[in-house]
Amino acid sequence: MPDRYELPADPPQLRVVLVDDEAAASRWMADLLSRFPHVQVVGRARRAEQAEKLIDRVRPDAVFVDVEMPGRDGLAVLERLAPSIRGVVVTAFEDYAIEAFETAAVDYLLKPVTAARLSRTLARLAATSSLPAPAESLPAIAAAGDERVIVPLAGETAVVPATDILWVESQENYTQLHAIGREPLVLRRPLVHWEHELPRASFLRVSRSLLVGLERIAMVRWHWQGGTEIEFAKSSEVLILGRAATRRLKDRLDGSDEGP
């Protein structure tokens, strides 16, 4: 991994404000950002109120903010950002991911952050502006308007096209996401979250615990006992449905049911 990520001469500057009540964590992030020649840290704050005054004064391009701080938390800072300022969450906890992306955070970083992981965040910031993507970063995420799901993982953030999702299955307080080209992902979010996030026209909740993607269905084998086997395009996975779920799927595919 290089010490610095070189960019074309005179690239546009990314002006950043850091918000973290832990001085050591703030210094760590500032040091990591210093490895990227196009990034300039223009201020640091330790509380939400201080951060908001600083942001109003310096008008940065992006704000990297911790969640748990004395007083109001970092998500409150993100909620008040102007549309032109992009937010990134930097935290030691996985539990705030849903709330973070609901506030339109560009990325969700888990501490301790590495330079390689940070380069991916800067690539995502570049994808939403005219800034160049740093070397060794991920490809740009899907263009605005494309249906995609942002999935926070341990130290990573997966961006999954909705059309690649085969099904989502509830498992007590968790859900398991099955998608083309990746191992199933177990996530701490309820099935109803997926039901609201995914495009209604392309997904059907066939039971209390199962949401099925319709666009990737390649073959449906209806069995006389009332059950069903579903095969998906570009995937070897097979989904087995019970009688009630089969009836709901058949109604939808026959056009007699507009949704769950």
Protein backbone atom coordinates (compact mmCIF):
# COMPACT_ATOMS: atom_id res chain seq x y z
CA MET A 1 0.00 0.00 0.00
CA PRO A 2 1.52 3.36 -0.98
CA ASP A 3 2.17 6.07 1.58
CA ARG A 4 0.55 8.63 -0.71
CA TYR A 5 -2.06 8.32 -3.43
CA GLU A 6 -0.90 10.35 -6.42
CA LEU A 7 -3.39 12.23 -8.57
CA PRO A 8 -3.14 14.37 -11.70
CA ALA A 9 -1.47 17.77 -11.29
CA ASP A 10 -3.58 20.42 -9.57
CA PRO A 11 -6.63 18.24 -8.79
CA PRO A 12 -9.69 19.89 -7.21
CA GLN A 13 -9.37 20.06 -3.45
CA LEU A 14 -11.68 18.12 -1.18
CA ARG A 15 -12.15 20.27 1.92
CA VAL A 16 -13.04 18.16 4.94
CA VAL A 17 -14.24 18.78 8.51
CA LEU A 18 -13.69 16.06 11.14
CA VAL A 19 -16.12 15.65 14.04
CA ASP A 20 -15.09 13.29 16.86
CA ASP A 21 -15.00 13.77 20.62
CA GLU A 22 -11.95 11.47 20.88
CA ALA A 23 -8.83 13.50 20.11
CA ALA A 24 -6.76 10.41 19.24
CA ALA A 25 -9.36 9.20 16.75
CA SER A 26 -9.55 12.64 15.16
CA ARG A 27 -5.77 12.79 14.79
CA TRP A 28 -5.73 9.30 13.28
CA MET A 29 -8.28 10.29 10.64
CA ALA A 30 -6.45 13.54 9.88
CA ASP A 31 -3.22 11.59 9.39
CA LEU A 32 -4.90 9.13 7.03
CA LEU A 33 -6.43 11.92 4.99
CA SER A 34 -3.05 13.63 4.72
CA ARG A 35 -1.92 10.72 2.52
CA PHE A 36 -4.28 11.91 -0.21
CA PRO A 37 -2.82 15.04 -1.88
CA HIS A 38 -6.22 16.37 -2.95
CA VAL A 39 -7.71 16.31 0.58
CA GLN A 40 -7.45 19.24 2.97
CA VAL A 41 -8.72 19.05 6.56
CA VAL A 42 -10.06 22.55 7.20
CA GLY A 43 -11.28 22.05 10.75
CA ARG A 44 -11.98 19.67 13.61
CA ALA A 45 -14.72 19.68 16.23
CA ARG A 46 -15.52 17.56 19.30
CA ARG A 47 -19.24 18.27 19.83
CA ALA A 48 -22.25 18.64 17.57
CA GLU A 49 -22.87 22.31 18.42
CA GLN A 50 -19.23 23.21 17.80
CA ALA A 51 -19.26 21.24 14.55
CA GLU A 52 -22.31 23.04 13.19
CA LYS A 53 -20.77 26.46 13.82
CA LEU A 54 -17.53 25.33 12.17
CA ILE A 55 -19.36 23.91 9.15
CA ASP A 56 -21.35 27.10 8.71
CA ARG A 57 -18.13 29.12 8.79
CA VAL A 58 -15.83 27.07 6.51
CA ARG A 59 -18.43 25.42 4.20
CA PRO A 60 -16.53 22.15 3.59
CA ASP A 61 -17.16 19.67 0.78
CA ALA A 62 -17.51 16.74 3.18
CA VAL A 63 -17.89 16.04 6.90
CA PHE A 64 -16.54 12.89 8.58
CA VAL A 65 -18.48 12.46 11.80
CA ASP A 66 -18.50 10.05 14.75
CA VAL A 67 -21.91 9.02 16.09
CA GLU A 68 -21.62 8.74 19.87
CA MET A 69 -20.58 12.07 21.36
CA PRO A 70 -21.53 14.08 24.45
CA GLY A 71 -24.80 15.91 23.91
CA ARG A 72 -26.35 15.58 20.46
CA ASP A 73 -24.96 12.74 18.39
CA GLY A 74 -23.23 12.85 15.01
CA LEU A 75 -26.32 11.80 13.09
CA ALA A 76 -27.93 15.08 14.16
CA VAL A 77 -25.02 16.87 12.49
CA LEU A 78 -25.58 14.95 9.25
CA GLU A 79 -29.28 15.76 9.25
CA ARG A 80 -28.51 19.49 9.22
CA LEU A 81 -25.95 19.44 6.42
CA ALA A 82 -26.65 21.49 3.32
CA PRO A 83 -27.33 19.36 0.21
CA SER A 84 -23.95 20.39 -1.24
CA ILE A 85 -22.05 18.96 1.76
CA ARG A 86 -21.65 15.20 1.87
CA GLY A 87 -21.48 13.21 5.09
CA VAL A 88 -19.45 10.14 6.08
CA VAL A 89 -19.98 8.27 9.34
CA VAL A 90 -16.89 7.05 11.22
CA THR A 91 -17.75 4.92 14.25
CA ALA A 92 -16.75 1.88 16.28
CA PHE A 93 -20.33 0.54 16.19
CA GLU A 94 -22.27 -1.26 13.43
CA ASP A 95 -25.71 -0.50 14.89
CA TYR A 96 -26.17 2.96 13.35
CA ALA A 97 -25.82 1.98 9.70
CA ILE A 98 -29.51 2.16 8.81
CA GLU A 99 -29.92 5.58 10.43
CA ALA A 100 -26.73 6.81 8.77
CA PHE A 101 -27.84 5.95 5.25
CA GLU A 102 -31.30 7.36 5.96
CA THR A 103 -29.54 10.70 6.49
CA ALA A 104 -27.95 10.23 3.02
CA ALA A 105 -24.47 9.42 4.32
CA VAL A 106 -22.13 8.58 1.44
CA ASP A 107 -20.33 5.86 3.39
CA TYR A 108 -20.10 4.14 6.78
CA LEU A 109 -16.60 3.53 8.16
CA LEU A 110 -15.85 1.28 11.11
CA LYS A 111 -12.92 2.15 13.36
CA PRO A 112 -10.03 1.58 13.12
CA VAL A 113 -10.08 2.96 9.56
CA THR A 114 -7.28 2.05 7.16
CA ALA A 115 -5.90 4.13 4.28
CA ALA A 116 -7.00 1.48 1.78
CA ARG A 117 -10.57 1.53 3.12
CA LEU A 118 -10.56 5.32 3.21
CA SER A 119 -9.55 5.43 -0.46
CA ARG A 120 -12.82 3.68 -1.27
CA THR A 121 -14.77 6.30 0.61
CA LEU A 122 -12.99 9.07 -1.30
CA ALA A 123 -13.89 7.26 -4.52
CA ARG A 124 -17.54 7.36 -3.53
CA LEU A 125 -17.28 11.03 -2.70
CA ALA A 126 -15.68 11.55 -6.12
CA ALA A 127 -18.56 9.67 -7.76
CA THR A 128 -20.97 12.29 -6.41
CA SER A 129 -18.92 15.28 -7.53
CA SER A 130 -16.32 16.43 -10.05
CA LEU A 131 -13.48 15.25 -7.80
CA PRO A 132 -11.17 12.56 -9.19
CA ALA A 133 -11.16 9.08 -7.70
CA PRO A 134 -7.88 8.18 -5.96
CA ALA A 135 -5.78 5.28 -7.18
CA GLU A 136 -6.49 1.78 -5.85
CA SER A 137 -10.11 2.65 -5.12
CA LEU A 138 -13.30 0.82 -5.90
CA PRO A 139 -15.06 1.52 -9.19
CA ALA A 140 -17.66 4.26 -9.00
CA ILE A 141 -20.95 3.15 -7.50
CA ALA A 142 -24.11 3.01 -9.55
CA ALA A 143 -25.22 6.26 -11.08
CA ALA A 144 -27.90 8.30 -9.38
CA GLY A 145 -31.33 6.91 -10.13
CA ASP A 146 -30.14 3.28 -10.44
CA GLU A 147 -31.75 1.04 -7.80
CA ARG A 148 -29.07 -0.17 -5.42
CA VAL A 149 -28.77 -1.25 -1.81
CA ILE A 150 -25.97 -0.09 0.46
CA VAL A 151 -25.02 -2.84 2.91
CA PRO A 152 -22.66 -2.01 5.81
CA LEU A 153 -20.36 -4.89 6.73
CA ALA A 154 -17.49 -5.24 9.19
CA GLY A 155 -14.98 -2.70 7.90
CA GLU A 156 -16.58 -2.56 4.45
CA THR A 157 -19.64 -1.26 2.65
CA ALA A 158 -21.16 -3.41 -0.10
CA VAL A 159 -23.18 -1.76 -2.86
CA VAL A 160 -25.58 -4.35 -4.29
CA PRO A 161 -27.76 -3.66 -7.37
CA ALA A 162 -31.36 -4.42 -6.49
CA THR A 163 -31.67 -6.51 -9.65
CA ASP A 164 -28.96 -8.86 -8.27
CA ILE A 165 -30.95 -9.66 -5.13
CA LEU A 166 -32.58 -13.10 -5.29
CA TRP A 167 -34.35 -13.18 -1.95
CA VAL A 168 -34.22 -11.87 1.62
CA GLU A 169 -35.13 -14.18 4.49
CA SER A 170 -35.95 -13.22 8.07
CA GLN A 171 -34.07 -15.01 10.86
CA GLU A 172 -35.32 -13.75 14.24
CA ASN A 173 -33.74 -10.28 14.69
CA TYR A 174 -31.65 -10.62 11.52
CA THR A 175 -32.18 -11.05 7.81
CA GLN A 176 -30.14 -13.04 5.31
CA LEU A 177 -29.59 -11.47 1.91
CA HIS A 178 -29.03 -13.75 -1.10
CA ALA A 179 -27.59 -12.05 -4.17
CA ILE A 180 -25.82 -13.04 -7.38
CA GLY A 181 -22.07 -13.55 -7.13
CA ARG A 182 -21.65 -13.35 -3.35
CA GLU A 183 -22.08 -15.43 -0.21
CA PRO A 184 -25.31 -14.83 1.76
CA LEU A 185 -25.04 -11.76 3.97
CA VAL A 186 -26.50 -11.81 7.49
CA LEU A 187 -27.57 -8.34 8.59
CA ARG A 188 -29.12 -6.84 11.67
CA ARG A 189 -32.17 -5.26 10.09
CA PRO A 190 -35.82 -6.39 9.92
CA LEU A 191 -37.52 -7.71 6.80
CA VAL A 192 -39.85 -4.73 6.76
CA HIS A 193 -36.81 -2.50 6.17
CA TRP A 194 -36.04 -4.38 2.94
CA GLU A 195 -39.70 -4.28 1.96
CA HIS A 196 -39.67 -0.47 2.12
CA GLU A 197 -36.19 -0.03 0.59
CA LEU A 198 -36.48 -2.34 -2.43
CA PRO A 199 -38.60 -1.43 -5.48
CA ARG A 200 -42.11 -2.74 -4.90
CA ALA A 201 -42.65 -3.68 -8.54
CA SER A 202 -39.69 -6.08 -8.48
CA PHE A 203 -40.11 -7.80 -5.12
CA LEU A 204 -42.87 -9.80 -3.49
CA ARG A 205 -43.26 -10.69 0.17
CA VAL A 206 -44.56 -14.23 -0.15
CA SER A 207 -44.66 -14.92 3.59
CA ARG A 208 -43.97 -13.30 6.95
CA SER A 209 -40.31 -14.26 6.66
CA LEU A 210 -39.50 -14.16 2.94
CA LEU A 211 -39.15 -11.46 0.28
CA VAL A 212 -38.48 -12.73 -3.25
CA GLY A 213 -36.92 -10.86 -6.17
CA LEU A 214 -38.96 -11.37 -9.33
CA GLU A 215 -36.61 -10.05 -12.01
CA ARG A 216 -34.03 -12.85 -11.72
CA ILE A 217 -36.50 -15.76 -11.70
CA ALA A 218 -35.56 -18.07 -14.57
CA MET A 219 -37.70 -21.14 -13.83
CA VAL A 220 -40.58 -21.96 -11.50
CA ARG A 221 -41.32 -25.63 -10.96
CA TRP A 222 -44.85 -26.00 -9.63
CA HIS A 223 -45.28 -29.32 -7.78
CA TRP A 224 -48.58 -31.05 -7.42
CA GLN A 225 -48.22 -31.13 -3.63
CA GLY A 226 -48.49 -27.33 -3.70
CA GLY A 227 -44.83 -26.47 -3.14
CA THR A 228 -42.48 -24.70 -5.54
CA GLU A 229 -38.83 -24.69 -6.60
CA ILE A 230 -37.48 -21.40 -7.97
CA GLU A 231 -34.33 -21.23 -10.09
CA PHE A 232 -32.66 -17.89 -10.76
CA ALA A 233 -30.73 -16.56 -13.75
CA LYS A 234 -26.93 -16.41 -13.28
CA SER A 235 -27.17 -18.29 -9.97
CA SER A 236 -27.03 -21.91 -8.85
CA GLU A 237 -29.14 -21.19 -5.77
CA VAL A 238 -32.61 -22.75 -5.55
CA LEU A 239 -35.39 -21.44 -3.32
CA ILE A 240 -38.10 -23.78 -2.00
CA LEU A 241 -41.53 -22.31 -1.22
CA GLY A 242 -44.36 -23.78 0.80
CA ARG A 243 -47.97 -23.95 -0.29
CA ALA A 244 -49.15 -20.52 0.92
CA ALA A 245 -46.07 -18.74 -0.47
CA THR A 246 -46.51 -20.60 -3.76
CA ARG A 247 -50.08 -19.40 -4.06
CA ARG A 248 -49.05 -15.79 -3.49
CA LEU A 249 -46.22 -16.02 -6.02
CA LYS A 250 -48.51 -17.64 -8.61
CA ASP A 251 -51.11 -14.90 -8.15
CA ARG A 252 -48.45 -12.24 -8.70
CA LEU A 253 -46.96 -13.89 -11.78
CA ASP A 254 -50.45 -14.44 -13.20
CA GLY A 255 -51.13 -10.73 -12.73
CA SER A 256 -54.00 -11.19 -10.29
CA ASP A 257 -52.12 -9.74 -7.32
CA GLU A 258 -50.50 -6.27 -7.41
CA GLY A 259 -48.37 -6.81 -4.34
CA PRO A 260 -48.22 -8.29 -0.86
